[in-house]
Amino acid sequence: MQHATTRAQSLEFTDVRNLAMLELFYSSGRRLSELCGIDLPELDLVLQQVKVRGKGGKERLVPLGDHAQRASRNYLVKRDALLLQLGGVKAGRLACGAGTAEAREH
């Protein structure tokens, strides 16, 4: 984990994004498909919780640890700055993969 944190401090966007994803995986126990589908209103970094929709459409709030909260906040700041450089677009969902149509949209 120390290596991932050090890489995220390199200021490379993909390293920051990957650390945020890793921390959210670990902290919330979500699957990849659930993680990529997080809408930003579901991610509450102030209360440190994320809304999870399970099987059958049931929703629950899952607490986030301090590392996940900091990594997510850092990612969102860097993502918003990058999107502003690219034309002022704001995304409403976490981007999960490099090179995919979904990632390019976010």
Protein backbone atom coordinates (compact mmCIF):
# COMPACT_ATOMS: atom_id res chain seq x y z
CA MET A 1 0.00 0.00 0.00
CA GLN A 2 2.88 2.36 0.69
CA HIS A 3 3.95 2.07 -2.97
CA ALA A 4 0.47 3.09 -4.15
CA THR A 5 0.44 6.09 -1.82
CA THR A 6 3.88 7.18 -3.00
CA ARG A 7 2.83 6.90 -6.63
CA ALA A 8 -0.31 8.94 -5.96
CA GLN A 9 1.88 11.71 -4.58
CA SER A 10 3.63 11.83 -7.96
CA LEU A 11 0.67 13.95 -9.14
CA GLU A 12 -0.03 11.66 -12.08
CA PHE A 13 -3.79 11.62 -12.56
CA THR A 14 -4.02 7.87 -13.19
CA ASP A 15 -2.04 7.11 -10.02
CA VAL A 16 -4.35 9.34 -7.97
CA ARG A 17 -7.43 7.72 -9.56
CA ASN A 18 -6.09 4.20 -9.00
CA LEU A 19 -5.34 4.89 -5.34
CA ALA A 20 -8.85 6.29 -4.83
CA MET A 21 -10.34 3.17 -6.43
CA LEU A 22 -8.15 0.87 -4.33
CA GLU A 23 -9.09 2.67 -1.13
CA LEU A 24 -12.80 2.64 -2.02
CA PHE A 25 -12.59 -1.09 -2.82
CA TYR A 26 -10.96 -1.80 0.51
CA SER A 27 -13.09 0.51 2.60
CA SER A 28 -16.53 -0.14 1.13
CA GLY A 29 -16.29 -3.73 -0.07
CA ARG A 30 -17.85 -2.87 -3.43
CA ARG A 31 -17.38 -4.87 -6.60
CA LEU A 32 -15.70 -3.24 -9.61
CA SER A 33 -18.99 -2.78 -11.44
CA GLU A 34 -20.45 -1.11 -8.34
CA LEU A 35 -17.40 1.08 -7.91
CA CYS A 36 -17.50 2.30 -11.51
CA GLY A 37 -21.17 3.04 -11.12
CA ILE A 38 -20.86 5.37 -8.13
CA ASP A 39 -22.76 8.56 -8.81
CA LEU A 40 -21.16 11.44 -6.97
CA PRO A 41 -24.27 12.19 -4.87
CA GLU A 42 -23.88 8.65 -3.45
CA LEU A 43 -20.39 9.47 -2.17
CA ASP A 44 -20.53 11.63 0.96
CA LEU A 45 -16.99 12.62 1.88
CA VAL A 46 -18.09 14.84 4.77
CA LEU A 47 -19.94 12.05 6.59
CA GLN A 48 -17.49 9.50 5.14
CA GLN A 49 -20.07 7.12 3.72
CA VAL A 50 -21.19 5.76 0.38
CA LYS A 51 -24.59 4.50 -0.66
CA VAL A 52 -24.50 0.92 -1.96
CA ARG A 53 -27.30 -0.74 -3.90
CA GLY A 54 -27.24 -4.45 -3.36
CA LYS A 55 -29.09 -7.31 -4.92
CA GLY A 56 -32.80 -6.77 -5.10
CA GLY A 57 -32.32 -3.00 -5.24
CA LYS A 58 -31.81 -2.65 -1.48
CA GLU A 59 -29.77 0.38 -0.45
CA ARG A 60 -27.45 0.67 2.49
CA LEU A 61 -24.93 3.23 3.71
CA VAL A 62 -21.39 1.95 4.10
CA PRO A 63 -18.83 3.91 6.12
CA LEU A 64 -15.58 4.96 4.45
CA GLY A 65 -12.25 5.01 6.22
CA ASP A 66 -10.02 8.06 6.47
CA HIS A 67 -7.70 6.83 3.71
CA ALA A 68 -10.58 6.29 1.30
CA GLN A 69 -12.00 9.71 2.09
CA ARG A 70 -8.66 11.48 1.52
CA ALA A 71 -7.87 9.53 -1.65
CA SER A 72 -11.35 10.18 -3.05
CA ARG A 73 -11.18 13.89 -2.27
CA ASN A 74 -7.74 14.13 -3.89
CA TYR A 75 -9.00 12.30 -6.97
CA LEU A 76 -12.06 14.55 -7.32
CA VAL A 77 -9.93 17.72 -7.05
CA LYS A 78 -7.50 16.48 -9.70
CA ARG A 79 -10.32 15.19 -11.92
CA ASP A 80 -12.19 18.49 -11.80
CA ALA A 81 -9.00 20.43 -12.61
CA LEU A 82 -8.32 18.14 -15.57
CA LEU A 83 -11.89 18.43 -16.84
CA LEU A 84 -11.69 22.23 -16.63
CA GLN A 85 -8.53 22.12 -18.76
CA LEU A 86 -10.39 20.00 -21.29
CA GLY A 87 -13.28 22.38 -21.68
CA GLY A 88 -15.09 22.97 -18.45
CA VAL A 89 -17.12 19.76 -18.33
CA LYS A 90 -18.07 18.35 -14.93
CA ALA A 91 -18.70 14.65 -14.51
CA GLY A 92 -21.20 13.04 -12.19
CA ARG A 93 -19.65 9.60 -11.92
CA LEU A 94 -16.29 8.08 -11.00
CA ALA A 95 -14.12 7.14 -13.98
CA CYS A 96 -12.80 3.60 -13.78
CA GLY A 97 -10.71 2.64 -16.76
CA ALA A 98 -8.21 4.17 -19.09
CA GLY A 99 -9.10 3.94 -22.73
CA THR A 100 -12.72 2.91 -22.33
CA ALA A 101 -15.56 4.99 -23.67
CA GLU A 102 -16.90 5.35 -20.13
CA ALA A 103 -13.59 6.67 -18.83
CA ARG A 104 -13.29 9.17 -21.66
CA GLU A 105 -16.76 10.50 -20.84
CA HIS A 106 -15.76 11.17 -17.23
